[in-house]
Protein backbone atom coordinates (compact mmCIF):
# COMPACT_ATOMS: atom_id res chain seq x y z
CA MET A 1 121.80 112.35 69.74
CA SER A 2 124.99 111.71 71.36
CA THR A 3 128.48 113.19 71.54
CA ALA A 4 131.35 110.83 70.44
CA THR A 5 134.91 110.81 69.01
CA ILE A 6 135.63 108.56 66.07
CA GLY A 7 139.29 108.02 64.99
CA LEU A 8 141.87 105.89 63.60
CA LYS A 9 145.42 104.73 64.11
CA LEU A 10 147.85 105.88 62.56
CA PRO A 11 151.27 103.70 61.47
CA ASP A 12 153.35 106.09 64.07
CA GLY A 13 151.29 105.00 66.72
CA THR A 14 149.19 108.45 67.23
CA PHE A 15 145.36 108.85 66.48
CA LYS A 16 143.37 111.18 63.90
CA VAL A 17 140.40 112.13 65.60
CA VAL A 18 137.24 114.03 64.82
CA TYR A 19 133.96 114.80 67.17
CA CYS A 20 130.61 113.41 65.90
CA HIS A 21 127.96 115.39 66.85
CA CYS A 22 124.49 112.77 66.23
CA ASP A 23 125.83 109.32 66.35
CA ASN A 24 122.78 107.79 66.39
CA GLY A 25 123.69 106.20 69.97
CA SER A 26 126.40 103.57 70.52
CA GLY A 27 125.24 100.52 69.50
CA LYS A 28 123.56 101.70 65.77
CA THR A 29 127.43 103.84 65.48
CA ALA A 30 129.23 100.71 66.70
CA THR A 31 127.21 98.53 63.82
CA LEU A 32 127.41 101.14 61.32
CA LEU A 33 131.04 101.46 61.39
CA ALA A 34 131.76 97.96 61.72
CA GLN A 35 129.36 97.34 58.68
CA HIS A 36 130.40 100.22 56.43
CA TYR A 37 133.91 101.79 57.41
CA ASP A 38 135.67 98.57 57.32
CA SER A 39 139.31 99.57 55.93
CA ILE A 40 141.69 102.02 57.36
CA GLU A 41 141.20 104.00 53.74
CA LYS A 42 137.76 103.92 54.33
CA VAL A 43 137.83 105.55 58.19
CA ASP A 44 140.71 107.80 56.96
CA ARG A 45 138.42 109.16 54.09
CA LEU A 46 135.35 109.61 56.66
CA VAL A 47 137.68 111.25 59.60
CA GLN A 48 139.95 113.52 56.32
CA ARG A 49 137.06 116.42 56.28
CA GLY A 50 137.04 116.94 59.86
CA ASN A 51 134.08 117.11 62.62
CA LEU A 52 131.28 115.25 61.55
CA PHE A 53 127.39 116.76 62.13
CA MET A 54 125.92 113.58 61.58
CA LEU A 55 127.05 109.94 60.19
CA ASP A 56 125.52 107.81 57.75
CA THR A 57 126.18 104.79 55.93
CA ASP A 58 127.04 106.11 52.63
CA PRO A 59 130.39 108.24 52.63
CA GLU A 60 129.02 110.69 50.31
CA SER A 61 125.50 111.52 53.01
CA VAL A 62 127.69 112.24 55.76
CA ILE A 63 127.39 115.53 56.73
CA TYR A 64 130.24 117.61 57.99
CA PHE A 65 130.12 120.47 60.04
CA THR A 66 131.93 122.37 56.66
CA ASP A 67 128.67 121.37 55.17
CA ARG A 68 127.02 123.57 57.64
CA GLY A 69 129.17 126.59 56.79
CA VAL A 70 132.12 126.13 59.81
CA ASP A 71 135.16 127.10 58.84
CA ALA A 72 137.41 123.79 58.03
CA LYS A 73 140.23 124.87 60.05
CA VAL A 74 138.24 125.16 63.09
CA VAL A 75 137.05 121.66 62.23
CA ALA A 76 139.90 119.86 61.40
CA PRO A 77 140.80 116.35 62.35
CA THR A 78 143.33 116.18 65.44
CA THR A 79 145.87 114.23 66.05
CA VAL A 80 146.74 112.89 69.71
CA ALA A 81 149.66 111.08 70.76
CA SER A 82 147.89 108.38 72.94
CA GLN A 83 144.63 106.53 73.76
CA ASN A 84 145.16 108.01 77.42
CA GLU A 85 145.80 111.14 75.90
CA LEU A 86 142.38 110.87 74.13
CA LEU A 87 140.56 109.45 77.12
CA GLU A 88 142.29 112.28 79.52
CA ASN A 89 141.62 115.40 77.29
CA TYR A 90 138.57 114.23 75.53
CA LYS A 91 134.78 114.32 77.64
CA HIS A 92 132.85 112.51 74.91
CA LYS A 93 131.11 109.51 76.43
CA HIS A 94 131.95 107.53 73.40
CA PHE A 95 134.76 106.71 71.59
CA TYR A 96 135.37 104.74 68.44
CA LEU A 97 138.81 104.07 67.06
CA PHE A 98 139.86 102.36 64.40
CA ILE A 99 142.88 99.99 65.62
CA ASP A 100 145.05 97.32 63.31
CA GLY A 101 141.80 96.61 61.17
CA GLU A 102 139.37 96.30 64.10
CA TRP A 103 136.60 98.94 65.51
CA HIS A 104 137.48 99.44 69.43
CA ILE A 105 134.49 101.11 71.28
CA HIS A 106 135.33 103.27 75.03
CA VAL A 107 132.22 104.04 76.58
CA LYS A 108 131.81 106.12 79.61
CA ASP A 109 129.77 104.95 82.48
CA GLU A 110 128.42 107.26 85.04
CA PHE A 111 131.43 107.05 87.39
CA LEU A 112 133.73 107.93 84.77
CA LYS A 113 135.25 104.66 84.30
CA TYR A 114 135.86 103.42 80.48
CA GLU A 115 135.51 99.97 79.24
CA TRP A 116 137.08 99.11 75.65
CA ARG A 117 135.34 96.51 73.64
CA THR A 118 135.53 95.57 70.21
CA ALA A 119 132.51 95.91 67.43
CA GLN A 120 131.17 92.99 66.10
CA PRO A 121 129.37 93.70 62.85
CA GLN A 122 125.38 93.60 63.59
CA THR A 123 122.43 93.28 60.96
CA VAL A 124 120.77 96.63 61.24
């Protein structure tokens, strides 16, 4: 279990993001996202229903907090103006952002520094 932010860059330059409670660890999540959520349409569908309880390879099997009875208004996707705003206001360890057709991963290390890298699909 981990805590992560998953989102996508919108045409206007803002980001639509959701919280993911159980993301299977950064390596598995990056691979899962790169292999199964590889277009802006798929990523938009993933985050449209709001915060995720558990990510899955099959979009129909993703468990959302709304599936567990949480009010949709409470867990709706959030729009943030920039990557900097995201990093300043969200204290999650992992950030997965779909930008210009690629997944970008931001991992916070033990010294509260961040590093962006691009996800590469791997065999699971």
